[in-house]
C-alpha atoms as a PDB file:
ATOM      1  CA  MET A   1     153.985  91.716 107.584  1.00  0.00           C
ATOM      2  CA  ASN A   2     155.231  94.265 110.230  1.00  0.00           C
ATOM      3  CA  GLY A   3     157.765  91.456 111.982  1.00  0.00           C
ATOM      4  CA  LEU A   4     157.324  89.232 114.476  1.00  0.00           C
ATOM      5  CA  LYS A   5     156.498  90.767 118.364  1.00  0.00           C
ATOM      6  CA  PRO A   6     158.050  89.051 121.277  1.00  0.00           C
ATOM      7  CA  GLY A   7     156.874  85.537 121.733  1.00  0.00           C
ATOM      8  CA  GLU A   8     155.255  85.231 118.313  1.00  0.00           C
ATOM      9  CA  LEU A   9     158.657  83.642 116.893  1.00  0.00           C
ATOM     10  CA  SER A  10     158.001  80.672 119.431  1.00  0.00           C
ATOM     11  CA  LYS A  11     154.492  80.214 118.738  1.00  0.00           C
ATOM     12  CA  LEU A  12     155.462  80.093 114.964  1.00  0.00           C
ATOM     13  CA  ILE A  13     157.805  77.297 115.439  1.00  0.00           C
ATOM     14  CA  LEU A  14     155.621  75.328 117.892  1.00  0.00           C
ATOM     15  CA  SER A  15     153.101  75.498 115.434  1.00  0.00           C
ATOM     16  CA  ILE A  16     155.024  73.942 112.778  1.00  0.00           C
ATOM     17  CA  LEU A  17     156.663  71.573 114.920  1.00  0.00           C
ATOM     18  CA  ILE A  18     153.339  70.319 116.148  1.00  0.00           C
ATOM     19  CA  CYS A  19     152.546  69.492 112.400  1.00  0.00           C
ATOM     20  CA  GLN A  20     155.637  68.125 111.610  1.00  0.00           C
ATOM     21  CA  LEU A  21     155.318  65.411 114.211  1.00  0.00           C
ATOM     22  CA  ALA A  22     152.043  64.508 113.186  1.00  0.00           C
ATOM     23  CA  GLY A  23     153.748  63.659 109.549  1.00  0.00           C
ATOM     24  CA  VAL A  24     156.740  61.942 111.197  1.00  0.00           C
ATOM     25  CA  ILE A  25     154.149  59.618 113.141  1.00  0.00           C
ATOM     26  CA  GLY A  26     152.081  59.066 110.146  1.00  0.00           C
ATOM     27  CA  SER A  27     155.177  58.177 108.216  1.00  0.00           C
ATOM     28  CA  ILE A  28     156.181  55.745 110.791  1.00  0.00           C
ATOM     29  CA  PHE A  29     153.086  53.392 110.079  1.00  0.00           C
ATOM     30  CA  THR A  30     153.506  53.481 106.145  1.00  0.00           C
ATOM     31  CA  ASN A  31     157.201  53.591 105.652  1.00  0.00           C
ATOM     32  CA  SER A  32     157.197  49.677 105.297  1.00  0.00           C
ATOM     33  CA  SER A  33     154.326  49.393 103.179  1.00  0.00           C
ATOM     34  CA  VAL A  34     155.605  51.983 100.703  1.00  0.00           C
ATOM     35  CA  ALA A  35     158.741  50.193 100.091  1.00  0.00           C
ATOM     36  CA  THR A  36     156.667  47.034  98.732  1.00  0.00           C
ATOM     37  CA  TRP A  37     154.120  48.564  96.118  1.00  0.00           C
ATOM     38  CA  TYR A  38     155.980  52.024  95.097  1.00  0.00           C
ATOM     39  CA  PRO A  39     158.728  50.839  93.230  1.00  0.00           C
ATOM     40  CA  ASN A  40     156.309  48.298  91.243  1.00  0.00           C
ATOM     41  CA  LEU A  41     154.202  51.346  89.766  1.00  0.00           C
ATOM     42  CA  ILE A  42     154.871  52.147  86.230  1.00  0.00           C
ATOM     43  CA  LYS A  43     155.840  55.713  86.244  1.00  0.00           C
ATOM     44  CA  PRO A  44     156.013  58.187  83.259  1.00  0.00           C
ATOM     45  CA  TRP A  45     159.389  59.040  82.029  1.00  0.00           C
ATOM     46  CA  PHE A  46     159.528  62.700  83.471  1.00  0.00           C
ATOM     47  CA  THR A  47     158.994  61.312  87.215  1.00  0.00           C
ATOM     48  CA  PRO A  48     161.699  63.426  89.233  1.00  0.00           C
ATOM     49  CA  PRO A  49     164.181  61.389  91.481  1.00  0.00           C
ATOM     50  CA  GLY A  50     162.811  60.719  95.051  1.00  0.00           C
ATOM     51  CA  TRP A  51     165.354  63.444  96.603  1.00  0.00           C
ATOM     52  CA  ILE A  52     163.713  66.185  94.508  1.00  0.00           C
ATOM     53  CA  ILE A  53     160.160  65.468  95.713  1.00  0.00           C
ATOM     54  CA  LEU A  54     161.071  65.344  99.621  1.00  0.00           C
ATOM     55  CA  ALA A  55     162.769  68.497  99.048  1.00  0.00           C
ATOM     56  CA  LEU A  56     159.989  70.416  97.519  1.00  0.00           C
ATOM     57  CA  MET A  57     157.272  68.556  99.742  1.00  0.00           C
ATOM     58  CA  VAL A  58     159.185  69.963 103.102  1.00  0.00           C
ATOM     59  CA  LEU A  59     159.549  73.382 101.950  1.00  0.00           C
ATOM     60  CA  ASP A  60     155.544  73.363 100.542  1.00  0.00           C
ATOM     61  CA  LEU A  61     154.234  71.678 104.102  1.00  0.00           C
ATOM     62  CA  THR A  62     156.629  73.485 106.276  1.00  0.00           C
ATOM     63  CA  GLN A  63     155.066  76.877 104.714  1.00  0.00           C
ATOM     64  CA  LYS A  64     151.389  75.425 105.012  1.00  0.00           C
ATOM     65  CA  LYS A  65     152.122  74.238 108.708  1.00  0.00           C
ATOM     66  CA  GLY A  66     152.884  77.867 109.718  1.00  0.00           C
ATOM     67  CA  SER A  67     149.525  78.945 108.516  1.00  0.00           C
ATOM     68  CA  PRO A  68     148.000  78.189 111.755  1.00  0.00           C
ATOM     69  CA  TYR A  69     150.062  80.624 113.756  1.00  0.00           C
ATOM     70  CA  LEU A  70     148.556  83.329 111.184  1.00  0.00           C
ATOM     71  CA  HIS A  71     145.031  82.732 112.456  1.00  0.00           C
END
């Protein structure tokens, strides 16, 4: 990558924000139902704490959501 041209940084940030907004909207509708069924699942002993999963998902999805900017 040769660096960002003028105006490309704003396009990159906008593409990430639009995709993140879609995730936030989806979480609004599913948040209440996850609290009822997820704690009752039988999880394996190696299930990581929720904060680790959250951090990795934010990192992973942010990288993926920047891809529309590249095309």
